[in-house]
């Protein structure tokens, strides 16, 4: 694998970043359109995003529409959407029942919107596919991601007071390229799209006994019989998205993307955090290795992140003050 600094890989990372920048400008043109804002209470994009999340959770309940979440995640996302919607509804000058006032206060916490946005983006990625619900998740992720980006630009984290180092540019490009490779790897096949489901049923065995006088007796014996059914797996079947722990891995990749892109965010945390996070994701990827292409592309991506994070982590340690030569006798 090419090491960070390779011209070929730097060019690939640069092209990916330029493509992302172009997509971002297109999204900005749409969401900043006054014709859209004037149709929203208070012109609130977060209110639009919360409505899209609620719709993405509720729509799969309708007949012939798939793509629903499990009950715990559906409940969590629906509650979060309601809290964000209540906050924006009050901010637009509307009134809510007194019972919902605590929810507005919790949603006003600075950490609420980033966490809810990260969960929405994660669910959008895990739900990618054809259908109404996946489309709603993608739209919700785009809207809330744009809102969070605007909030980041207005925060102290975006202040350009730190000296821009070549190492920062290299780290950002390599982490971005590695995370993108991991994301594509999660979409590719990892295992069979079928799952073995053990089932059990009560089986009756009847014994009929006939004596010499043609009298007969019937005895029924009941016993449990086990078998295994081969059924289609659930959401993300056969891909990395269907593996246990995929939600945490996607959240971890998002966190690595933020830490690799924002120097102030890295400096706000212990320097070992990105290395530990990348290491845990690497172990998760190694436990899913198979002959399919998905885990191998994922492994290439996370190893690129590992190398870049290790270089950044070890950099300050190796950049100590020069040692003085020993005094001559």
C-alpha atoms as a PDB file:
ATOM      1  CA  UNK A   1       0.000   0.000   0.000  1.00  0.00           C
ATOM      2  CA  UNK A   2       1.271   3.445  -0.836  1.00  0.00           C
ATOM      3  CA  UNK A   3       2.331   5.474   2.169  1.00  0.00           C
ATOM      4  CA  UNK A   4       0.888   8.916   2.923  1.00  0.00           C
ATOM      5  CA  UNK A   5       2.631  11.383   0.675  1.00  0.00           C
ATOM      6  CA  UNK A   6       2.467   9.172  -2.419  1.00  0.00           C
ATOM      7  CA  UNK A   7       1.694  11.361  -5.477  1.00  0.00           C
ATOM      8  CA  UNK A   8      -0.816   8.836  -6.839  1.00  0.00           C
ATOM      9  CA  UNK A   9      -2.797   8.525  -3.632  1.00  0.00           C
ATOM     10  CA  UNK A  10      -2.602  12.261  -2.953  1.00  0.00           C
ATOM     11  CA  UNK A  11      -4.107  12.880  -6.402  1.00  0.00           C
ATOM     12  CA  UNK A  12      -6.915  10.400  -5.731  1.00  0.00           C
ATOM     13  CA  UNK A  13      -7.627  12.007  -2.367  1.00  0.00           C
ATOM     14  CA  UNK A  14      -7.564  15.462  -3.946  1.00  0.00           C
ATOM     15  CA  UNK A  15     -10.034  14.467  -6.649  1.00  0.00           C
ATOM     16  CA  UNK A  16     -12.398  12.997  -4.055  1.00  0.00           C
ATOM     17  CA  UNK A  17     -12.232  16.171  -2.014  1.00  0.00           C
ATOM     18  CA  UNK A  18     -12.907  18.361  -5.065  1.00  0.00           C
ATOM     19  CA  UNK A  19     -15.931  16.222  -5.959  1.00  0.00           C
ATOM     20  CA  UNK A  20     -17.254  16.608  -2.420  1.00  0.00           C
ATOM     21  CA  UNK A  21     -16.755  20.383  -2.597  1.00  0.00           C
ATOM     22  CA  UNK A  22     -18.733  20.567  -5.854  1.00  0.00           C
ATOM     23  CA  UNK A  23     -21.582  18.533  -4.367  1.00  0.00           C
ATOM     24  CA  UNK A  24     -21.560  20.798  -1.319  1.00  0.00           C
ATOM     25  CA  UNK A  25     -21.939  23.913  -3.441  1.00  0.00           C
ATOM     26  CA  UNK A  26     -24.896  22.375  -5.274  1.00  0.00           C
ATOM     27  CA  UNK A  27     -26.615  21.522  -1.985  1.00  0.00           C
ATOM     28  CA  UNK A  28     -25.980  25.041  -0.704  1.00  0.00           C
ATOM     29  CA  UNK A  29     -27.624  26.580  -3.771  1.00  0.00           C
ATOM     30  CA  UNK A  30     -30.774  24.531  -3.192  1.00  0.00           C
ATOM     31  CA  UNK A  31     -31.084  24.974   0.575  1.00  0.00           C
ATOM     32  CA  UNK A  32     -30.315  28.693   0.471  1.00  0.00           C
ATOM     33  CA  UNK A  33     -33.012  29.295  -2.129  1.00  0.00           C
ATOM     34  CA  UNK A  34     -35.427  31.924  -0.689  1.00  0.00           C
ATOM     35  CA  UNK A  35     -38.364  30.100  -2.277  1.00  0.00           C
ATOM     36  CA  UNK A  36     -37.679  27.131  -0.006  1.00  0.00           C
ATOM     37  CA  UNK A  37     -37.014  29.157   3.137  1.00  0.00           C
ATOM     38  CA  UNK A  38     -40.211  31.188   2.870  1.00  0.00           C
ATOM     39  CA  UNK A  39     -42.277  27.999   3.001  1.00  0.00           C
ATOM     40  CA  UNK A  40     -40.774  26.950   6.374  1.00  0.00           C
ATOM     41  CA  UNK A  41     -41.868  28.370   9.744  1.00  0.00           C
ATOM     42  CA  UNK A  42     -39.197  30.894  10.607  1.00  0.00           C
ATOM     43  CA  UNK A  43     -37.219  29.733   7.573  1.00  0.00           C
ATOM     44  CA  UNK A  44     -35.907  26.898   9.752  1.00  0.00           C
ATOM     45  CA  UNK A  45     -33.947  24.188   7.959  1.00  0.00           C
ATOM     46  CA  UNK A  46     -33.579  22.137  11.182  1.00  0.00           C
ATOM     47  CA  UNK A  47     -37.379  21.988  11.330  1.00  0.00           C
ATOM     48  CA  UNK A  48     -37.394  20.603   7.785  1.00  0.00           C
ATOM     49  CA  UNK A  49     -34.728  18.070   8.734  1.00  0.00           C
ATOM     50  CA  UNK A  50     -36.628  16.891  11.816  1.00  0.00           C
ATOM     51  CA  UNK A  51     -39.767  16.478   9.715  1.00  0.00           C
ATOM     52  CA  UNK A  52     -37.906  14.376   7.170  1.00  0.00           C
ATOM     53  CA  UNK A  53     -36.492  12.147   9.933  1.00  0.00           C
ATOM     54  CA  UNK A  54     -39.952  11.653  11.409  1.00  0.00           C
ATOM     55  CA  UNK A  55     -41.335  10.809   7.971  1.00  0.00           C
ATOM     56  CA  UNK A  56     -38.502   8.329   7.322  1.00  0.00           C
ATOM     57  CA  UNK A  57     -39.320   6.536  10.578  1.00  0.00           C
ATOM     58  CA  UNK A  58     -43.111   6.511  10.139  1.00  0.00           C
ATOM     59  CA  UNK A  59     -43.490   5.871   6.383  1.00  0.00           C
ATOM     60  CA  UNK A  60     -42.259   2.222   6.496  1.00  0.00           C
ATOM     61  CA  UNK A  61     -45.234   1.417   8.742  1.00  0.00           C
ATOM     62  CA  UNK A  62     -47.462   1.795   5.695  1.00  0.00           C
ATOM     63  CA  UNK A  63     -48.202  -1.334   3.616  1.00  0.00           C
ATOM     64  CA  UNK A  64     -45.849  -2.229   0.753  1.00  0.00           C
ATOM     65  CA  UNK A  65     -43.141   0.188   1.986  1.00  0.00           C
ATOM     66  CA  UNK A  66     -40.011  -1.339   3.490  1.00  0.00           C
ATOM     67  CA  UNK A  67     -36.845   0.072   4.975  1.00  0.00           C
ATOM     68  CA  UNK A  68     -38.003   0.447   8.564  1.00  0.00           C
ATOM     69  CA  UNK A  69     -35.673   0.614  11.559  1.00  0.00           C
ATOM     70  CA  UNK A  70     -35.739  -1.676  14.532  1.00  0.00           C
ATOM     71  CA  UNK A  71     -37.990  -0.559  17.360  1.00  0.00           C
ATOM     72  CA  UNK A  72     -35.236   0.879  19.633  1.00  0.00           C
ATOM     73  CA  UNK A  73     -33.634   2.968  16.876  1.00  0.00           C
ATOM     74  CA  UNK A  74     -37.014   4.025  15.486  1.00  0.00           C
ATOM     75  CA  UNK A  75     -38.079   5.250  18.918  1.00  0.00           C
ATOM     76  CA  UNK A  76     -34.795   7.082  19.508  1.00  0.00           C
ATOM     77  CA  UNK A  77     -34.847   8.865  16.154  1.00  0.00           C
ATOM     78  CA  UNK A  78     -38.514   9.765  16.482  1.00  0.00           C
ATOM     79  CA  UNK A  79     -37.962  11.272  19.938  1.00  0.00           C
ATOM     80  CA  UNK A  80     -34.912  13.191  18.691  1.00  0.00           C
ATOM     81  CA  UNK A  81     -36.842  14.531  15.718  1.00  0.00           C
ATOM     82  CA  UNK A  82     -39.653  15.635  17.996  1.00  0.00           C
ATOM     83  CA  UNK A  83     -37.232  17.448  20.322  1.00  0.00           C
ATOM     84  CA  UNK A  84     -35.521  19.261  17.460  1.00  0.00           C
ATOM     85  CA  UNK A  85     -38.846  20.140  15.863  1.00  0.00           C
ATOM     86  CA  UNK A  86     -40.155  21.509  19.161  1.00  0.00           C
ATOM     87  CA  UNK A  87     -37.046  23.657  19.590  1.00  0.00           C
ATOM     88  CA  UNK A  88     -37.358  25.152  16.126  1.00  0.00           C
ATOM     89  CA  UNK A  89     -41.118  25.614  16.504  1.00  0.00           C
ATOM     90  CA  UNK A  90     -40.571  27.756  19.602  1.00  0.00           C
ATOM     91  CA  UNK A  91     -37.697  29.610  17.920  1.00  0.00           C
ATOM     92  CA  UNK A  92     -40.114  30.510  15.099  1.00  0.00           C
ATOM     93  CA  UNK A  93     -42.363  32.252  17.647  1.00  0.00           C
ATOM     94  CA  UNK A  94     -44.921  29.475  17.996  1.00  0.00           C
ATOM     95  CA  UNK A  95     -46.243  28.112  21.301  1.00  0.00           C
ATOM     96  CA  UNK A  96     -46.099  24.577  22.653  1.00  0.00           C
ATOM     97  CA  UNK A  97     -47.786  22.876  25.627  1.00  0.00           C
ATOM     98  CA  UNK A  98     -45.958  23.374  28.918  1.00  0.00           C
ATOM     99  CA  UNK A  99     -45.239  19.651  29.106  1.00  0.00           C
ATOM    100  CA  UNK A 100     -42.915  19.955  26.088  1.00  0.00           C
ATOM    101  CA  UNK A 101     -40.846  22.839  27.479  1.00  0.00           C
ATOM    102  CA  UNK A 102     -38.179  20.518  29.025  1.00  0.00           C
ATOM    103  CA  UNK A 103     -37.679  18.858  25.641  1.00  0.00           C
ATOM    104  CA  UNK A 104     -37.005  22.265  24.099  1.00  0.00           C
ATOM    105  CA  UNK A 105     -34.368  22.988  26.760  1.00  0.00           C
ATOM    106  CA  UNK A 106     -32.628  19.641  26.198  1.00  0.00           C
ATOM    107  CA  UNK A 107     -32.622  20.169  22.439  1.00  0.00           C
ATOM    108  CA  UNK A 108     -31.049  23.597  22.933  1.00  0.00           C
ATOM    109  CA  UNK A 109     -27.886  21.995  24.364  1.00  0.00           C
ATOM    110  CA  UNK A 110     -24.898  22.649  22.033  1.00  0.00           C
ATOM    111  CA  UNK A 111     -24.152  18.926  21.749  1.00  0.00           C
ATOM    112  CA  UNK A 112     -27.683  17.901  20.731  1.00  0.00           C
ATOM    113  CA  UNK A 113     -27.644  18.957  17.069  1.00  0.00           C
ATOM    114  CA  UNK A 114     -24.219  17.404  16.261  1.00  0.00           C
ATOM    115  CA  UNK A 115     -25.207  14.117  17.904  1.00  0.00           C
ATOM    116  CA  UNK A 116     -28.603  13.975  16.207  1.00  0.00           C
ATOM    117  CA  UNK A 117     -27.042  14.882  12.864  1.00  0.00           C
ATOM    118  CA  UNK A 118     -24.443  12.115  13.236  1.00  0.00           C
ATOM    119  CA  UNK A 119     -27.166   9.569  14.029  1.00  0.00           C
ATOM    120  CA  UNK A 120     -29.224  10.746  11.041  1.00  0.00           C
ATOM    121  CA  UNK A 121     -26.270  10.475   8.656  1.00  0.00           C
ATOM    122  CA  UNK A 122     -25.504   7.011  10.049  1.00  0.00           C
ATOM    123  CA  UNK A 123     -29.074   5.795   9.576  1.00  0.00           C
ATOM    124  CA  UNK A 124     -29.139   7.281   6.066  1.00  0.00           C
ATOM    125  CA  UNK A 125     -26.001   5.353   5.140  1.00  0.00           C
ATOM    126  CA  UNK A 126     -27.224   2.098   6.686  1.00  0.00           C
ATOM    127  CA  UNK A 127     -30.577   2.478   4.879  1.00  0.00           C
ATOM    128  CA  UNK A 128     -29.159   3.264   1.425  1.00  0.00           C
ATOM    129  CA  UNK A 129     -31.197   1.616  -1.293  1.00  0.00           C
ATOM    130  CA  UNK A 130     -34.197   2.036  -3.534  1.00  0.00           C
ATOM    131  CA  UNK A 131     -37.446   3.131  -1.948  1.00  0.00           C
ATOM    132  CA  UNK A 132     -39.264   5.962  -0.256  1.00  0.00           C
ATOM    133  CA  UNK A 133     -37.755   5.534   3.212  1.00  0.00           C
ATOM    134  CA  UNK A 134     -34.107   5.482   2.037  1.00  0.00           C
ATOM    135  CA  UNK A 135     -34.749   8.636  -0.007  1.00  0.00           C
ATOM    136  CA  UNK A 136     -36.225  10.395   3.025  1.00  0.00           C
ATOM    137  CA  UNK A 137     -33.219   9.411   5.141  1.00  0.00           C
ATOM    138  CA  UNK A 138     -30.805  10.790   2.547  1.00  0.00           C
ATOM    139  CA  UNK A 139     -32.735  14.062   2.289  1.00  0.00           C
ATOM    140  CA  UNK A 140     -32.807  14.387   6.084  1.00  0.00           C
ATOM    141  CA  UNK A 141     -29.062  13.730   6.287  1.00  0.00           C
ATOM    142  CA  UNK A 142     -28.323  16.329   3.606  1.00  0.00           C
ATOM    143  CA  UNK A 143     -30.444  19.001   5.297  1.00  0.00           C
ATOM    144  CA  UNK A 144     -29.150  18.409   8.817  1.00  0.00           C
ATOM    145  CA  UNK A 145     -25.582  17.995   7.573  1.00  0.00           C
ATOM    146  CA  UNK A 146     -25.812  21.374   5.858  1.00  0.00           C
ATOM    147  CA  UNK A 147     -27.216  22.948   9.026  1.00  0.00           C
ATOM    148  CA  UNK A 148     -24.427  21.447  11.105  1.00  0.00           C
ATOM    149  CA  UNK A 149     -21.818  22.654   8.627  1.00  0.00           C
ATOM    150  CA  UNK A 150     -23.170  26.193   8.903  1.00  0.00           C
ATOM    151  CA  UNK A 151     -23.087  25.907  12.706  1.00  0.00           C
ATOM    152  CA  UNK A 152     -19.480  24.712  12.530  1.00  0.00           C
ATOM    153  CA  UNK A 153     -18.454  27.621  10.340  1.00  0.00           C
ATOM    154  CA  UNK A 154     -19.880  30.034  12.925  1.00  0.00           C
ATOM    155  CA  UNK A 155     -18.151  28.290  15.859  1.00  0.00           C
ATOM    156  CA  UNK A 156     -14.650  28.897  17.303  1.00  0.00           C
ATOM    157  CA  UNK A 157     -13.543  25.562  15.793  1.00  0.00           C
ATOM    158  CA  UNK A 158     -13.560  27.175  12.332  1.00  0.00           C
ATOM    159  CA  UNK A 159     -11.477  30.230  13.269  1.00  0.00           C
ATOM    160  CA  UNK A 160      -8.419  30.323  10.983  1.00  0.00           C
ATOM    161  CA  UNK A 161      -6.080  31.423  13.788  1.00  0.00           C
ATOM    162  CA  UNK A 162      -3.952  28.271  13.714  1.00  0.00           C
ATOM    163  CA  UNK A 163      -1.038  28.014  11.342  1.00  0.00           C
ATOM    164  CA  UNK A 164      -1.895  25.711   8.431  1.00  0.00           C
ATOM    165  CA  UNK A 165       0.695  22.945   8.366  1.00  0.00           C
ATOM    166  CA  UNK A 166       1.423  20.619   5.423  1.00  0.00           C
ATOM    167  CA  UNK A 167       0.894  17.726   7.825  1.00  0.00           C
ATOM    168  CA  UNK A 168      -2.687  18.916   8.466  1.00  0.00           C
ATOM    169  CA  UNK A 169      -3.484  18.932   4.739  1.00  0.00           C
ATOM    170  CA  UNK A 170      -1.975  15.471   4.280  1.00  0.00           C
ATOM    171  CA  UNK A 171      -3.828  14.063   7.294  1.00  0.00           C
ATOM    172  CA  UNK A 172      -7.154  15.489   6.110  1.00  0.00           C
ATOM    173  CA  UNK A 173      -6.761  14.091   2.599  1.00  0.00           C
ATOM    174  CA  UNK A 174      -5.724  10.640   3.733  1.00  0.00           C
ATOM    175  CA  UNK A 175      -8.359  10.298   6.418  1.00  0.00           C
ATOM    176  CA  UNK A 176     -10.999  11.512   3.940  1.00  0.00           C
ATOM    177  CA  UNK A 177      -9.838   9.026   1.287  1.00  0.00           C
ATOM    178  CA  UNK A 178      -9.603   6.177   3.816  1.00  0.00           C
ATOM    179  CA  UNK A 179     -13.056   6.823   5.262  1.00  0.00           C
ATOM    180  CA  UNK A 180     -14.504   7.012   1.739  1.00  0.00           C
ATOM    181  CA  UNK A 181     -12.932   3.631   0.891  1.00  0.00           C
ATOM    182  CA  UNK A 182     -14.360   2.151   4.096  1.00  0.00           C
ATOM    183  CA  UNK A 183     -17.811   3.484   3.206  1.00  0.00           C
ATOM    184  CA  UNK A 184     -17.688   1.900  -0.251  1.00  0.00           C
ATOM    185  CA  UNK A 185     -16.420  -1.327   1.293  1.00  0.00           C
ATOM    186  CA  UNK A 186     -19.399  -1.428   3.645  1.00  0.00           C
ATOM    187  CA  UNK A 187     -21.729  -1.245   0.659  1.00  0.00           C
ATOM    188  CA  UNK A 188     -20.091  -4.222  -1.081  1.00  0.00           C
ATOM    189  CA  UNK A 189     -20.719  -7.914  -0.293  1.00  0.00           C
ATOM    190  CA  UNK A 190     -19.141  -9.285   2.877  1.00  0.00           C
ATOM    191  CA  UNK A 191     -21.000 -12.570   3.273  1.00  0.00           C
ATOM    192  CA  UNK A 192     -24.053 -14.471   2.097  1.00  0.00           C
ATOM    193  CA  UNK A 193     -27.260 -12.485   1.871  1.00  0.00           C
ATOM    194  CA  UNK A 194     -29.089 -15.377   3.553  1.00  0.00           C
ATOM    195  CA  UNK A 195     -29.193 -16.198   7.240  1.00  0.00           C
ATOM    196  CA  UNK A 196     -29.737 -19.476   9.060  1.00  0.00           C
ATOM    197  CA  UNK A 197     -32.615 -19.134  11.504  1.00  0.00           C
ATOM    198  CA  UNK A 198     -33.120 -21.959  14.050  1.00  0.00           C
ATOM    199  CA  UNK A 199     -36.775 -22.823  14.615  1.00  0.00           C
ATOM    200  CA  UNK A 200     -38.629 -25.341  16.737  1.00  0.00           C
ATOM    201  CA  UNK A 201     -42.049 -26.990  16.547  1.00  0.00           C
ATOM    202  CA  UNK A 202     -43.989 -29.477  18.625  1.00  0.00           C
ATOM    203  CA  UNK A 203     -44.267 -32.830  16.868  1.00  0.00           C
ATOM    204  CA  UNK A 204     -46.770 -35.554  17.791  1.00  0.00           C
ATOM    205  CA  UNK A 205     -45.929 -39.240  17.443  1.00  0.00           C
ATOM    206  CA  UNK A 206     -48.905 -41.645  17.650  1.00  0.00           C
ATOM    207  CA  UNK A 207     -48.514 -45.329  18.540  1.00  0.00           C
ATOM    208  CA  UNK A 208     -51.429 -47.716  17.827  1.00  0.00           C
ATOM    209  CA  UNK A 209     -51.389 -51.135  19.555  1.00  0.00           C
ATOM    210  CA  UNK A 210     -53.776 -53.974  18.506  1.00  0.00           C
ATOM    211  CA  UNK A 211     -54.093 -57.133  20.637  1.00  0.00           C
ATOM    212  CA  UNK A 212     -55.267 -60.633  19.635  1.00  0.00           C
ATOM    213  CA  UNK A 213     -58.899 -59.729  20.209  1.00  0.00           C
ATOM    214  CA  UNK A 214     -58.549 -56.807  17.789  1.00  0.00           C
ATOM    215  CA  UNK A 215     -58.813 -54.331  20.631  1.00  0.00           C
ATOM    216  CA  UNK A 216     -56.655 -51.321  19.953  1.00  0.00           C
ATOM    217  CA  UNK A 217     -55.029 -48.630  22.052  1.00  0.00           C
ATOM    218  CA  UNK A 218     -53.733 -45.249  20.954  1.00  0.00           C
ATOM    219  CA  UNK A 219     -50.860 -43.472  22.704  1.00  0.00           C
ATOM    220  CA  UNK A 220     -49.709 -39.985  21.684  1.00  0.00           C
ATOM    221  CA  UNK A 221     -46.191 -38.745  22.505  1.00  0.00           C
ATOM    222  CA  UNK A 222     -45.261 -35.087  21.987  1.00  0.00           C
ATOM    223  CA  UNK A 223     -41.703 -33.884  21.534  1.00  0.00           C
ATOM    224  CA  UNK A 224     -39.944 -30.730  20.344  1.00  0.00           C
ATOM    225  CA  UNK A 225     -38.167 -30.925  16.989  1.00  0.00           C
ATOM    226  CA  UNK A 226     -35.569 -28.394  15.878  1.00  0.00           C
ATOM    227  CA  UNK A 227     -34.626 -27.438  12.354  1.00  0.00           C
ATOM    228  CA  UNK A 228     -32.944 -24.554  10.566  1.00  0.00           C
ATOM    229  CA  UNK A 229     -34.638 -22.358   7.995  1.00  0.00           C
ATOM    230  CA  UNK A 230     -32.693 -20.385   5.410  1.00  0.00           C
ATOM    231  CA  UNK A 231     -34.290 -16.950   5.231  1.00  0.00           C
ATOM    232  CA  UNK A 232     -33.225 -13.626   3.734  1.00  0.00           C
ATOM    233  CA  UNK A 233     -31.314 -11.506   6.221  1.00  0.00           C
ATOM    234  CA  UNK A 234     -32.431  -8.035   7.251  1.00  0.00           C
ATOM    235  CA  UNK A 235     -31.380  -4.538   6.228  1.00  0.00           C
ATOM    236  CA  UNK A 236     -27.986  -4.442   4.514  1.00  0.00           C
ATOM    237  CA  UNK A 237     -28.048  -8.227   4.094  1.00  0.00           C
ATOM    238  CA  UNK A 238     -24.745  -9.630   2.921  1.00  0.00           C
ATOM    239  CA  UNK A 239     -22.918  -6.282   3.109  1.00  0.00           C
ATOM    240  CA  UNK A 240     -20.869  -4.722   5.872  1.00  0.00           C
ATOM    241  CA  UNK A 241     -23.923  -2.693   6.880  1.00  0.00           C
ATOM    242  CA  UNK A 242     -25.622  -5.889   8.014  1.00  0.00           C
ATOM    243  CA  UNK A 243     -22.852  -6.894  10.434  1.00  0.00           C
ATOM    244  CA  UNK A 244     -23.207  -6.592  14.175  1.00  0.00           C
ATOM    245  CA  UNK A 245     -21.776  -3.281  15.322  1.00  0.00           C
ATOM    246  CA  UNK A 246     -22.049  -1.554  11.930  1.00  0.00           C
ATOM    247  CA  UNK A 247     -23.850   1.429  13.466  1.00  0.00           C
ATOM    248  CA  UNK A 248     -20.998   2.077  15.876  1.00  0.00           C
ATOM    249  CA  UNK A 249     -18.431   1.658  13.099  1.00  0.00           C
ATOM    250  CA  UNK A 250     -20.145   4.226  10.872  1.00  0.00           C
ATOM    251  CA  UNK A 251     -20.323   6.658  13.789  1.00  0.00           C
ATOM    252  CA  UNK A 252     -16.634   6.028  14.442  1.00  0.00           C
ATOM    253  CA  UNK A 253     -15.743   6.708  10.815  1.00  0.00           C
ATOM    254  CA  UNK A 254     -17.672   9.986  10.987  1.00  0.00           C
ATOM    255  CA  UNK A 255     -15.753  10.923  14.129  1.00  0.00           C
ATOM    256  CA  UNK A 256     -12.435  10.127  12.434  1.00  0.00           C
ATOM    257  CA  UNK A 257     -13.453  12.272   9.475  1.00  0.00           C
ATOM    258  CA  UNK A 258     -14.155  15.217  11.790  1.00  0.00           C
ATOM    259  CA  UNK A 259     -10.949  14.745  13.774  1.00  0.00           C
ATOM    260  CA  UNK A 260      -8.898  14.433  10.606  1.00  0.00           C
ATOM    261  CA  UNK A 261     -10.401  17.602   9.148  1.00  0.00           C
ATOM    262  CA  UNK A 262     -10.555  19.903  12.182  1.00  0.00           C
ATOM    263  CA  UNK A 263      -7.322  20.520  14.021  1.00  0.00           C
ATOM    264  CA  UNK A 264      -9.002  22.248  16.955  1.00  0.00           C
ATOM    265  CA  UNK A 265     -11.206  19.185  17.476  1.00  0.00           C
ATOM    266  CA  UNK A 266      -8.069  16.991  17.634  1.00  0.00           C
ATOM    267  CA  UNK A 267      -6.432  19.314  20.114  1.00  0.00           C
ATOM    268  CA  UNK A 268      -9.550  19.328  22.319  1.00  0.00           C
ATOM    269  CA  UNK A 269      -9.214  15.565  22.893  1.00  0.00           C
ATOM    270  CA  UNK A 270      -6.371  13.391  24.162  1.00  0.00           C
ATOM    271  CA  UNK A 271      -4.038  12.612  21.262  1.00  0.00           C
ATOM    272  CA  UNK A 272      -4.567   8.889  21.738  1.00  0.00           C
ATOM    273  CA  UNK A 273      -8.326   9.033  20.967  1.00  0.00           C
ATOM    274  CA  UNK A 274      -8.062   8.913  17.123  1.00  0.00           C
ATOM    275  CA  UNK A 275      -5.522   6.081  17.314  1.00  0.00           C
ATOM    276  CA  UNK A 276      -7.709   4.006  19.647  1.00  0.00           C
ATOM    277  CA  UNK A 277     -10.816   4.670  17.556  1.00  0.00           C
ATOM    278  CA  UNK A 278      -9.060   3.679  14.319  1.00  0.00           C
ATOM    279  CA  UNK A 279      -7.630   0.587  16.011  1.00  0.00           C
ATOM    280  CA  UNK A 280     -11.038  -0.617  17.199  1.00  0.00           C
ATOM    281  CA  UNK A 281     -12.510  -0.163  13.713  1.00  0.00           C
ATOM    282  CA  UNK A 282      -9.554  -2.057  12.247  1.00  0.00           C
ATOM    283  CA  UNK A 283     -10.197  -5.004  14.586  1.00  0.00           C
ATOM    284  CA  UNK A 284     -13.870  -4.967  13.576  1.00  0.00           C
ATOM    285  CA  UNK A 285     -12.861  -5.099   9.921  1.00  0.00           C
ATOM    286  CA  UNK A 286     -10.377  -7.931  10.488  1.00  0.00           C
ATOM    287  CA  UNK A 287     -13.017 -10.075  12.176  1.00  0.00           C
ATOM    288  CA  UNK A 288     -15.149  -9.914   9.031  1.00  0.00           C
ATOM    289  CA  UNK A 289     -12.542 -10.934   6.450  1.00  0.00           C
ATOM    290  CA  UNK A 290     -13.825 -13.295   3.785  1.00  0.00           C
ATOM    291  CA  UNK A 291     -13.381 -13.984   0.091  1.00  0.00           C
ATOM    292  CA  UNK A 292     -15.809 -11.172  -0.758  1.00  0.00           C
ATOM    293  CA  UNK A 293     -14.481  -7.776  -1.973  1.00  0.00           C
ATOM    294  CA  UNK A 294     -16.141  -5.669   0.715  1.00  0.00           C
ATOM    295  CA  UNK A 295     -13.946  -6.451   3.730  1.00  0.00           C
ATOM    296  CA  UNK A 296     -10.730  -6.123   1.714  1.00  0.00           C
ATOM    297  CA  UNK A 297     -11.584  -2.646   0.431  1.00  0.00           C
ATOM    298  CA  UNK A 298     -12.665  -1.689   3.951  1.00  0.00           C
ATOM    299  CA  UNK A 299      -9.348  -2.971   5.286  1.00  0.00           C
ATOM    300  CA  UNK A 300      -7.354  -0.946   2.737  1.00  0.00           C
ATOM    301  CA  UNK A 301      -9.273   2.177   3.717  1.00  0.00           C
ATOM    302  CA  UNK A 302      -8.920   1.766   7.479  1.00  0.00           C
ATOM    303  CA  UNK A 303      -5.224   0.896   7.179  1.00  0.00           C
ATOM    304  CA  UNK A 304      -4.696   4.165   5.298  1.00  0.00           C
ATOM    305  CA  UNK A 305      -6.411   5.944   8.191  1.00  0.00           C
ATOM    306  CA  UNK A 306      -4.282   3.982  10.677  1.00  0.00           C
ATOM    307  CA  UNK A 307      -1.036   5.057   9.007  1.00  0.00           C
ATOM    308  CA  UNK A 308      -2.101   8.703   8.741  1.00  0.00           C
ATOM    309  CA  UNK A 309      -3.296   8.821  12.359  1.00  0.00           C
ATOM    310  CA  UNK A 310      -0.138   7.096  13.579  1.00  0.00           C
ATOM    311  CA  UNK A 311       2.056   9.625  11.768  1.00  0.00           C
ATOM    312  CA  UNK A 312       0.074  12.487  13.309  1.00  0.00           C
ATOM    313  CA  UNK A 313       0.135  10.914  16.773  1.00  0.00           C
ATOM    314  CA  UNK A 314       3.855  10.143  16.709  1.00  0.00           C
ATOM    315  CA  UNK A 315       4.748  13.461  15.073  1.00  0.00           C
ATOM    316  CA  UNK A 316       4.706  15.598  18.261  1.00  0.00           C
ATOM    317  CA  UNK A 317       6.709  12.939  20.086  1.00  0.00           C
ATOM    318  CA  UNK A 318       9.437  12.895  17.453  1.00  0.00           C
ATOM    319  CA  UNK A 319       9.467  16.678  17.107  1.00  0.00           C
ATOM    320  CA  UNK A 320      11.087  17.334  20.484  1.00  0.00           C
ATOM    321  CA  UNK A 321      13.826  19.890  21.055  1.00  0.00           C
ATOM    322  CA  UNK A 322      17.190  18.964  19.585  1.00  0.00           C
ATOM    323  CA  UNK A 323      19.618  17.477  22.038  1.00  0.00           C
ATOM    324  CA  UNK A 324      22.719  19.446  22.835  1.00  0.00           C
ATOM    325  CA  UNK A 325      26.049  17.880  22.079  1.00  0.00           C
ATOM    326  CA  UNK A 326      27.943  16.694  25.156  1.00  0.00           C
ATOM    327  CA  UNK A 327      30.362  19.219  26.594  1.00  0.00           C
ATOM    328  CA  UNK A 328      33.921  18.595  25.671  1.00  0.00           C
ATOM    329  CA  UNK A 329      36.211  17.606  28.457  1.00  0.00           C
END
